[in-house]
């Protein structure tokens, strides 16, 4: 076996399909996000504007968050010291879980090292614990949810995206006596649409199913206290488990679930992805704690972000750019070709100092490649006008199709 040849061919396929991923070399400028410095392709740092960060509210730059992390660093040091069971359980972790449980009006919460791990560990463990469990999964669910369901070894039924009739068909056809779990998201980050949470919960009630809601693109962003779409729509009490991230709107790192105390105890006690992983550094946890507490009290960041998203959507539409319909903070611009999406991204960075990554397969289906913009409260109208003008020029240069 020529191992090197096999690996080379695998990478060559990605290049040929326009799907080879390049990680940009940047540093964000503390206190002035979305401004950053890019080190790729030129001598020394070049000023750029970041348009694709998942730090939606710039909480990673917030003075309260930075101060809390600095205080924790000088109070307890850098690392956690081990797993939660062996030396890695600190008072910061306990406090954050209490805040997250309160955020979602649940009895308990459990922190993981990332949103991916929280989905994978929880779904795989929960479905294993429930004998003969069948998981009903939205076809556009996160890769981490799909991995967790697969790792559980249980039966999976995939329903068409947000299609309640199809979901009910599958639920009705299942054995009434087997455990059932409906797994779905609130905000789908590539299209920017929202799940009908109450309607799905109605089906869960009708067919005696548990519900698992991934709120990673909504926590901090929606609801009076940042509890997500489930808080905004007054649906949190109807959901069995709410999963979220600490690395997007809260601006730091980590993932979590919130549920009743028995479920939390089961996952805490049985999930290998939790049990055998060094816990988050208390420095990170302190930063998240500050972010969660701030966003429970402040709507300024949420309001600013929503206004910025709507402004950019309107500018794109007025300019004839193919902006996709979105009812959320996500602003997707359809390209439909991976090579062209990468070309647009490269031109924006090299010539205009604009950083936005192309979104290609497998993140989105082939033929639906796009640019995904996430304007935040710190993006100004002037920045948006400059971005729109750059895109209009590039669209004309590359002779791309405009909106119908």
Protein backbone atom coordinates (compact mmCIF):
# COMPACT_ATOMS: atom_id res chain seq x y z
CA UNK A 1 0.00 0.00 0.00
CA UNK A 2 1.36 3.42 -1.02
CA UNK A 3 -0.03 5.40 1.92
CA UNK A 4 1.33 8.73 0.72
CA UNK A 5 -0.37 8.31 -2.66
CA UNK A 6 -3.74 7.61 -1.03
CA UNK A 7 -3.46 10.68 1.18
CA UNK A 8 -2.33 12.85 -1.73
CA UNK A 9 -5.25 11.71 -3.87
CA UNK A 10 -7.67 12.53 -1.07
CA UNK A 11 -6.36 16.10 -0.84
CA UNK A 12 -6.22 16.44 -4.63
CA UNK A 13 -9.93 15.57 -4.83
CA UNK A 14 -10.73 18.46 -2.51
CA UNK A 15 -8.69 20.87 -4.65
CA UNK A 16 -10.38 19.63 -7.85
CA UNK A 17 -13.83 20.12 -6.33
CA UNK A 18 -12.97 23.56 -4.95
CA UNK A 19 -13.54 22.31 -1.40
CA UNK A 20 -10.02 22.50 0.01
CA UNK A 21 -10.21 24.54 3.20
CA UNK A 22 -7.69 27.26 3.95
CA UNK A 23 -7.49 28.57 7.52
CA UNK A 24 -6.91 32.29 7.60
CA UNK A 25 -4.05 33.62 9.73
CA UNK A 26 -5.46 36.55 11.73
CA UNK A 27 -5.46 38.28 15.09
CA UNK A 28 -8.50 40.16 16.33
CA UNK A 29 -7.95 43.62 17.75
CA UNK A 30 -9.12 43.64 21.35
CA UNK A 31 -11.81 46.21 21.94
CA UNK A 32 -12.34 47.09 18.27
CA UNK A 33 -14.00 44.01 16.76
CA UNK A 34 -14.79 43.42 13.86
CA UNK A 35 -11.38 44.90 13.06
CA UNK A 36 -8.53 42.40 12.84
CA UNK A 37 -5.07 41.83 11.36
CA UNK A 38 -4.37 39.31 8.62
CA UNK A 39 -0.91 37.74 8.19
CA UNK A 40 -1.58 35.66 5.07
CA UNK A 41 -0.18 36.44 1.62
CA UNK A 42 1.72 39.63 2.38
CA UNK A 43 4.51 41.07 4.48
CA UNK A 44 3.35 41.98 7.96
CA UNK A 45 -0.20 42.33 9.26
CA UNK A 46 -2.86 43.84 7.00
CA UNK A 47 -6.02 45.46 8.47
CA UNK A 48 -9.19 43.51 7.67
CA UNK A 49 -12.85 43.48 8.66
CA UNK A 50 -14.28 40.16 9.89
CA UNK A 51 -17.75 39.30 8.55
CA UNK A 52 -18.10 35.61 9.40
CA UNK A 53 -17.41 35.29 13.11
CA UNK A 54 -19.75 33.28 15.33
CA UNK A 55 -18.89 35.66 18.17
CA UNK A 56 -22.22 37.18 17.18
CA UNK A 57 -22.43 39.85 19.88
CA UNK A 58 -18.68 40.52 20.23
CA UNK A 59 -18.87 39.27 23.83
CA UNK A 60 -15.38 37.83 23.39
CA UNK A 61 -14.28 41.47 23.38
CA UNK A 62 -16.51 42.71 26.21
CA UNK A 63 -14.68 44.42 29.10
CA UNK A 64 -16.64 42.42 31.70
CA UNK A 65 -15.65 39.13 30.09
CA UNK A 66 -11.99 40.04 29.74
CA UNK A 67 -11.82 41.36 33.32
CA UNK A 68 -13.47 38.19 34.68
CA UNK A 69 -10.97 36.00 32.86
CA UNK A 70 -8.02 38.07 34.07
CA UNK A 71 -9.30 37.91 37.66
CA UNK A 72 -9.76 34.14 37.46
CA UNK A 73 -6.30 33.66 35.97
CA UNK A 74 -4.69 35.49 38.85
CA UNK A 75 -6.99 33.82 41.38
CA UNK A 76 -6.66 30.13 40.43
CA UNK A 77 -4.13 29.86 37.59
CA UNK A 78 -4.50 28.63 34.03
CA UNK A 79 -5.79 25.04 33.90
CA UNK A 80 -8.56 23.14 35.61
CA UNK A 81 -6.36 20.33 36.93
CA UNK A 82 -8.22 17.38 35.49
CA UNK A 83 -11.61 15.87 34.78
CA UNK A 84 -14.63 17.05 36.77
CA UNK A 85 -14.38 13.88 38.86
CA UNK A 86 -10.66 14.22 39.53
CA UNK A 87 -9.59 17.70 40.48
CA UNK A 88 -11.28 19.62 37.66
CA UNK A 89 -14.50 20.67 39.37
CA UNK A 90 -14.24 24.28 40.54
CA UNK A 91 -16.64 26.76 42.03
CA UNK A 92 -16.66 28.55 38.67
CA UNK A 93 -18.08 25.42 37.03
CA UNK A 94 -20.75 25.05 39.71
CA UNK A 95 -21.79 28.69 39.39
CA UNK A 96 -21.97 28.58 35.59
CA UNK A 97 -24.14 25.47 35.58
CA UNK A 98 -26.53 27.16 38.01
CA UNK A 99 -26.71 30.23 35.75
CA UNK A 100 -27.36 28.10 32.66
CA UNK A 101 -30.08 26.06 34.38
CA UNK A 102 -31.73 29.32 35.43
CA UNK A 103 -31.37 30.74 31.90
CA UNK A 104 -33.50 27.91 30.50
CA UNK A 105 -35.73 27.45 33.56
CA UNK A 106 -34.47 23.91 34.09
CA UNK A 107 -33.44 22.04 37.25
CA UNK A 108 -29.86 21.51 36.17
CA UNK A 109 -27.18 22.00 33.54
CA UNK A 110 -23.94 20.31 32.55
CA UNK A 111 -20.90 21.92 30.89
CA UNK A 112 -18.84 20.24 28.17
CA UNK A 113 -15.65 21.30 26.42
CA UNK A 114 -17.49 22.21 23.21
CA UNK A 115 -20.91 22.27 21.60
CA UNK A 116 -19.85 19.35 19.42
CA UNK A 117 -18.99 17.25 22.46
CA UNK A 118 -22.20 18.18 24.27
CA UNK A 119 -24.31 16.99 21.31
CA UNK A 120 -22.28 13.87 20.63
CA UNK A 121 -21.96 12.80 24.27
CA UNK A 122 -25.54 13.53 25.27
CA UNK A 123 -27.35 12.06 22.28
CA UNK A 124 -25.21 8.93 22.14
CA UNK A 125 -25.58 8.32 25.88
CA UNK A 126 -29.28 9.11 26.13
CA UNK A 127 -30.25 6.83 23.26
CA UNK A 128 -28.14 3.98 24.68
CA UNK A 129 -29.78 4.31 28.09
CA UNK A 130 -33.28 4.10 26.57
CA UNK A 131 -33.82 0.46 25.40
CA UNK A 132 -34.79 0.25 21.72
CA UNK A 133 -34.84 4.03 21.35
CA UNK A 134 -35.71 5.51 17.95
CA UNK A 135 -34.35 8.99 17.21
CA UNK A 136 -36.22 11.25 14.80
CA UNK A 137 -33.72 13.72 13.37
CA UNK A 138 -34.23 16.78 11.17
CA UNK A 139 -32.30 16.32 7.91
CA UNK A 140 -30.39 19.60 8.43
CA UNK A 141 -29.19 18.85 11.96
CA UNK A 142 -25.62 19.64 12.95
CA UNK A 143 -22.90 17.10 12.18
CA UNK A 144 -22.34 16.69 15.93
CA UNK A 145 -25.96 15.65 16.43
CA UNK A 146 -25.70 13.17 13.57
CA UNK A 147 -22.49 11.78 15.08
CA UNK A 148 -24.10 11.39 18.50
CA UNK A 149 -27.09 9.56 17.08
CA UNK A 150 -24.84 7.31 15.01
CA UNK A 151 -22.61 6.57 18.00
CA UNK A 152 -25.62 5.52 20.05
CA UNK A 153 -26.19 2.60 17.71
CA UNK A 154 -29.95 3.14 17.87
CA UNK A 155 -32.44 3.35 15.02
CA UNK A 156 -32.61 6.73 13.29
CA UNK A 157 -35.46 8.17 11.27
CA UNK A 158 -34.66 11.36 9.31
CA UNK A 159 -37.53 13.73 8.62
CA UNK A 160 -37.53 16.43 5.95
CA UNK A 161 -36.43 19.80 7.22
CA UNK A 162 -39.11 21.41 9.40
CA UNK A 163 -41.70 19.14 7.76
CA UNK A 164 -44.27 18.38 10.45
CA UNK A 165 -46.36 16.09 8.26
CA UNK A 166 -43.36 13.92 7.48
CA UNK A 167 -42.32 13.85 11.14
CA UNK A 168 -45.79 12.72 12.17
CA UNK A 169 -45.83 10.03 9.50
CA UNK A 170 -42.63 8.60 10.94
CA UNK A 171 -43.82 8.87 14.55
CA UNK A 172 -47.15 7.23 13.74
CA UNK A 173 -45.41 4.32 11.98
CA UNK A 174 -43.14 3.58 14.94
CA UNK A 175 -43.96 1.04 17.63
CA UNK A 176 -46.01 2.94 20.26
CA UNK A 177 -44.14 1.17 23.06
CA UNK A 178 -40.56 2.05 22.08
CA UNK A 179 -38.81 5.13 23.49
CA UNK A 180 -38.73 8.04 21.04
CA UNK A 181 -36.55 11.13 20.85
CA UNK A 182 -37.05 14.06 18.46
CA UNK A 183 -33.79 15.93 17.81
CA UNK A 184 -33.84 19.29 16.05
CA UNK A 185 -32.38 22.81 16.07
CA UNK A 186 -33.94 26.19 16.73
CA UNK A 187 -31.96 28.35 14.27
CA UNK A 188 -30.45 26.53 11.28
CA UNK A 189 -27.28 28.48 10.71
CA UNK A 190 -26.75 27.94 6.99
CA UNK A 191 -30.21 29.05 5.86
CA UNK A 192 -31.16 31.21 8.84
CA UNK A 193 -34.61 29.67 9.31
CA UNK A 194 -36.31 28.62 12.55
CA UNK A 195 -37.95 25.41 13.74
CA UNK A 196 -41.65 25.35 14.74
CA UNK A 197 -40.86 24.38 18.32
CA UNK A 198 -44.39 24.33 19.71
CA UNK A 199 -45.70 22.24 16.82
CA UNK A 200 -42.90 19.72 17.27
CA UNK A 201 -43.60 19.58 21.00
CA UNK A 202 -47.28 18.96 20.20
CA UNK A 203 -46.24 15.89 18.20
CA UNK A 204 -43.91 14.80 20.99
CA UNK A 205 -46.81 14.98 23.45
CA UNK A 206 -49.10 13.10 21.08
CA UNK A 207 -46.64 10.26 20.49
CA UNK A 208 -44.98 10.23 23.93
CA UNK A 209 -41.55 11.32 22.66
CA UNK A 210 -38.74 13.19 24.37
CA UNK A 211 -37.39 16.35 22.72
CA UNK A 212 -33.82 17.54 22.22
CA UNK A 213 -33.33 21.10 20.99
CA UNK A 214 -29.98 22.42 19.76
CA UNK A 215 -29.96 26.19 20.44
CA UNK A 216 -26.30 26.89 19.68
CA UNK A 217 -27.06 29.61 17.12
CA UNK A 218 -29.74 31.18 19.30
CA UNK A 219 -28.62 31.23 22.95
CA UNK A 220 -27.69 34.75 23.96
CA UNK A 221 -29.32 36.02 20.75
CA UNK A 222 -33.05 35.66 21.36
CA UNK A 223 -35.42 35.96 24.29
CA UNK A 224 -35.60 38.62 26.97
CA UNK A 225 -32.63 37.08 28.82
CA UNK A 226 -30.87 35.37 25.92
CA UNK A 227 -32.42 31.95 26.50
CA UNK A 228 -32.81 31.41 22.77
CA UNK A 229 -35.78 30.81 20.49
CA UNK A 230 -37.30 28.52 23.12
CA UNK A 231 -37.42 31.47 25.53
CA UNK A 232 -38.62 33.90 22.87
CA UNK A 233 -41.45 31.54 21.93
CA UNK A 234 -42.21 30.56 25.56
CA UNK A 235 -41.47 26.91 24.80
CA UNK A 236 -38.54 26.06 27.10
CA UNK A 237 -40.79 24.31 29.63
CA UNK A 238 -42.02 21.91 26.94
CA UNK A 239 -38.55 20.68 25.93
CA UNK A 240 -36.82 17.74 27.58
CA UNK A 241 -33.26 18.87 26.87
CA UNK A 242 -31.91 22.19 25.61
CA UNK A 243 -28.35 22.19 24.28
CA UNK A 244 -26.26 25.30 23.72
CA UNK A 245 -22.78 26.62 23.11
CA UNK A 246 -20.56 28.96 25.09
CA UNK A 247 -18.42 29.83 22.06
CA UNK A 248 -20.80 31.83 19.87
CA UNK A 249 -23.03 34.56 21.33
CA UNK A 250 -21.38 34.13 24.76
CA UNK A 251 -18.02 34.68 23.11
CA UNK A 252 -15.71 32.18 24.83
CA UNK A 253 -15.65 28.36 24.55
CA UNK A 254 -17.59 25.27 25.59
CA UNK A 255 -20.99 23.63 25.33
CA UNK A 256 -23.75 22.55 27.71
CA UNK A 257 -27.11 20.93 28.19
CA UNK A 258 -29.96 21.98 30.48
CA UNK A 259 -32.64 19.53 31.64
CA UNK A 260 -34.23 18.07 34.73
CA UNK A 261 -31.82 16.93 37.40
CA UNK A 262 -32.30 13.21 36.76
CA UNK A 263 -31.31 13.50 33.09
CA UNK A 264 -28.34 15.68 34.01
CA UNK A 265 -27.24 13.06 36.50
CA UNK A 266 -27.58 10.27 33.92
CA UNK A 267 -25.44 12.09 31.34
CA UNK A 268 -22.92 13.15 34.01
CA UNK A 269 -22.63 9.56 35.18
CA UNK A 270 -22.63 7.67 31.87
CA UNK A 271 -21.28 9.88 29.05
CA UNK A 272 -17.62 9.04 28.24
CA UNK A 273 -17.26 12.37 26.44
CA UNK A 274 -17.90 14.08 29.75
CA UNK A 275 -16.36 11.67 32.24
CA UNK A 276 -12.95 11.26 30.58
CA UNK A 277 -12.33 14.82 29.36
CA UNK A 278 -10.33 17.46 31.23
CA UNK A 279 -12.79 20.14 32.22
CA UNK A 280 -12.81 23.63 30.79
CA UNK A 281 -10.23 25.95 32.30
CA UNK A 282 -11.79 28.02 35.09
CA UNK A 283 -10.44 31.06 33.25
CA UNK A 284 -12.74 30.26 30.33
CA UNK A 285 -15.64 29.41 32.62
CA UNK A 286 -15.25 32.74 34.43
CA UNK A 287 -15.46 34.57 31.10
CA UNK A 288 -18.60 32.70 30.08
CA UNK A 289 -20.14 33.32 33.49
CA UNK A 290 -19.65 37.06 33.02
CA UNK A 291 -21.12 36.91 29.50
CA UNK A 292 -24.21 34.93 30.55
CA UNK A 293 -24.91 37.22 33.49
CA UNK A 294 -24.48 40.32 31.35
CA UNK A 295 -26.74 39.12 28.53
CA UNK A 296 -29.44 38.13 31.01
CA UNK A 297 -29.65 41.81 31.95
CA UNK A 298 -28.77 43.58 28.70
CA UNK A 299 -30.66 43.54 25.39
CA UNK A 300 -28.47 46.23 23.82
CA UNK A 301 -26.21 43.74 22.08
CA UNK A 302 -29.13 41.63 20.79
CA UNK A 303 -31.00 44.67 19.49
CA UNK A 304 -27.89 46.03 17.79
CA UNK A 305 -27.15 42.71 16.15
CA UNK A 306 -30.69 42.28 14.80
CA UNK A 307 -30.65 45.82 13.41
CA UNK A 308 -27.30 45.20 11.70
CA UNK A 309 -28.52 41.94 10.15
CA UNK A 310 -31.64 43.56 8.75
CA UNK A 311 -29.65 46.50 7.40
CA UNK A 312 -27.25 44.20 5.55
CA UNK A 313 -30.09 42.08 4.13
CA UNK A 314 -31.76 45.23 2.82
CA UNK A 315 -28.53 46.54 1.26
CA UNK A 316 -27.84 43.22 -0.46
CA UNK A 317 -31.41 43.02 -1.78
CA UNK A 318 -31.42 46.63 -3.00
CA UNK A 319 -28.15 45.97 -4.85
CA UNK A 320 -29.60 42.92 -6.62
CA UNK A 321 -27.33 40.45 -4.85
CA UNK A 322 -28.79 36.93 -4.35
CA UNK A 323 -29.34 37.16 -0.59
CA UNK A 324 -31.26 34.15 0.67
CA UNK A 325 -34.45 34.59 2.72
CA UNK A 326 -33.66 34.56 6.44
CA UNK A 327 -35.74 35.46 9.47
CA UNK A 328 -32.73 35.46 11.80
CA UNK A 329 -29.32 37.07 12.24
CA UNK A 330 -27.76 34.88 9.53
CA UNK A 331 -27.27 36.60 6.13
CA UNK A 332 -26.50 33.94 3.46
CA UNK A 333 -25.53 35.00 -0.07
CA UNK A 334 -26.06 32.27 -2.66
CA UNK A 335 -23.24 31.45 -5.10
CA UNK A 336 -24.02 27.85 -6.10
CA UNK A 337 -20.49 26.84 -7.05
CA UNK A 338 -17.58 25.98 -4.72
CA UNK A 339 -14.81 27.33 -6.96
CA UNK A 340 -16.57 30.66 -7.49
CA UNK A 341 -17.41 30.94 -3.80
CA UNK A 342 -13.72 30.51 -2.96
CA UNK A 343 -12.76 33.01 -5.69
CA UNK A 344 -15.11 35.65 -4.30
CA UNK A 345 -13.76 35.08 -0.80
CA UNK A 346 -10.16 35.39 -2.01
CA UNK A 347 -10.83 38.64 -3.90
CA UNK A 348 -12.64 40.17 -0.94
CA UNK A 349 -9.69 39.45 1.33
CA UNK A 350 -6.88 40.37 -1.04
CA UNK A 351 -8.38 43.48 -2.60
CA UNK A 352 -10.93 44.79 -0.12
CA UNK A 353 -9.69 43.64 3.29
CA UNK A 354 -12.95 41.77 3.87
CA UNK A 355 -12.88 38.33 5.50
CA UNK A 356 -15.75 35.94 4.86
CA UNK A 357 -15.27 32.20 4.41
CA UNK A 358 -17.00 30.25 1.62
CA UNK A 359 -19.43 27.59 2.85
CA UNK A 360 -19.13 24.40 0.79
CA UNK A 361 -20.09 20.73 0.91
CA UNK A 362 -20.50 18.89 3.29
CA UNK A 363 -21.61 21.84 5.40
CA UNK A 364 -24.23 22.59 2.73
CA UNK A 365 -25.42 20.37 -0.17
CA UNK A 366 -23.51 20.48 -3.45
CA UNK A 367 -24.80 23.25 -5.70
CA UNK A 368 -25.88 25.39 -2.73
CA UNK A 369 -22.45 26.83 -1.88
CA UNK A 370 -22.64 30.30 -0.40
CA UNK A 371 -21.05 33.08 1.56
CA UNK A 372 -22.43 33.42 5.08
CA UNK A 373 -22.31 36.85 6.70
CA UNK A 374 -22.88 37.41 10.41
CA UNK A 375 -23.10 41.17 10.98
CA UNK A 376 -22.95 42.17 14.61
CA UNK A 377 -23.67 45.22 16.73
CA UNK A 378 -20.19 46.60 15.96
CA UNK A 379 -20.53 46.50 12.17
CA UNK A 380 -21.36 50.01 10.98
CA UNK A 381 -23.51 51.12 8.06
CA UNK A 382 -20.37 52.44 6.38
CA UNK A 383 -18.78 48.98 6.62
CA UNK A 384 -21.94 47.47 5.12
CA UNK A 385 -21.99 49.95 2.23
CA UNK A 386 -18.34 49.20 1.47
CA UNK A 387 -18.99 45.45 1.61
CA UNK A 388 -22.04 45.72 -0.66
CA UNK A 389 -20.12 47.81 -3.16
CA UNK A 390 -17.27 45.30 -3.22
CA UNK A 391 -19.64 42.40 -3.82
CA UNK A 392 -21.43 44.23 -6.63
CA UNK A 393 -18.08 44.90 -8.32
CA UNK A 394 -16.95 41.27 -7.95
CA UNK A 395 -20.31 39.92 -9.15
CA UNK A 396 -19.91 41.99 -12.31
CA UNK A 397 -16.25 41.08 -12.77
CA UNK A 398 -16.97 37.34 -12.53
CA UNK A 399 -20.21 37.68 -14.52
CA UNK A 400 -22.22 36.01 -11.79
CA UNK A 401 -25.99 35.80 -11.77
CA UNK A 402 -27.78 38.43 -9.74
CA UNK A 403 -31.07 38.06 -7.91
CA UNK A 404 -34.14 37.46 -10.07
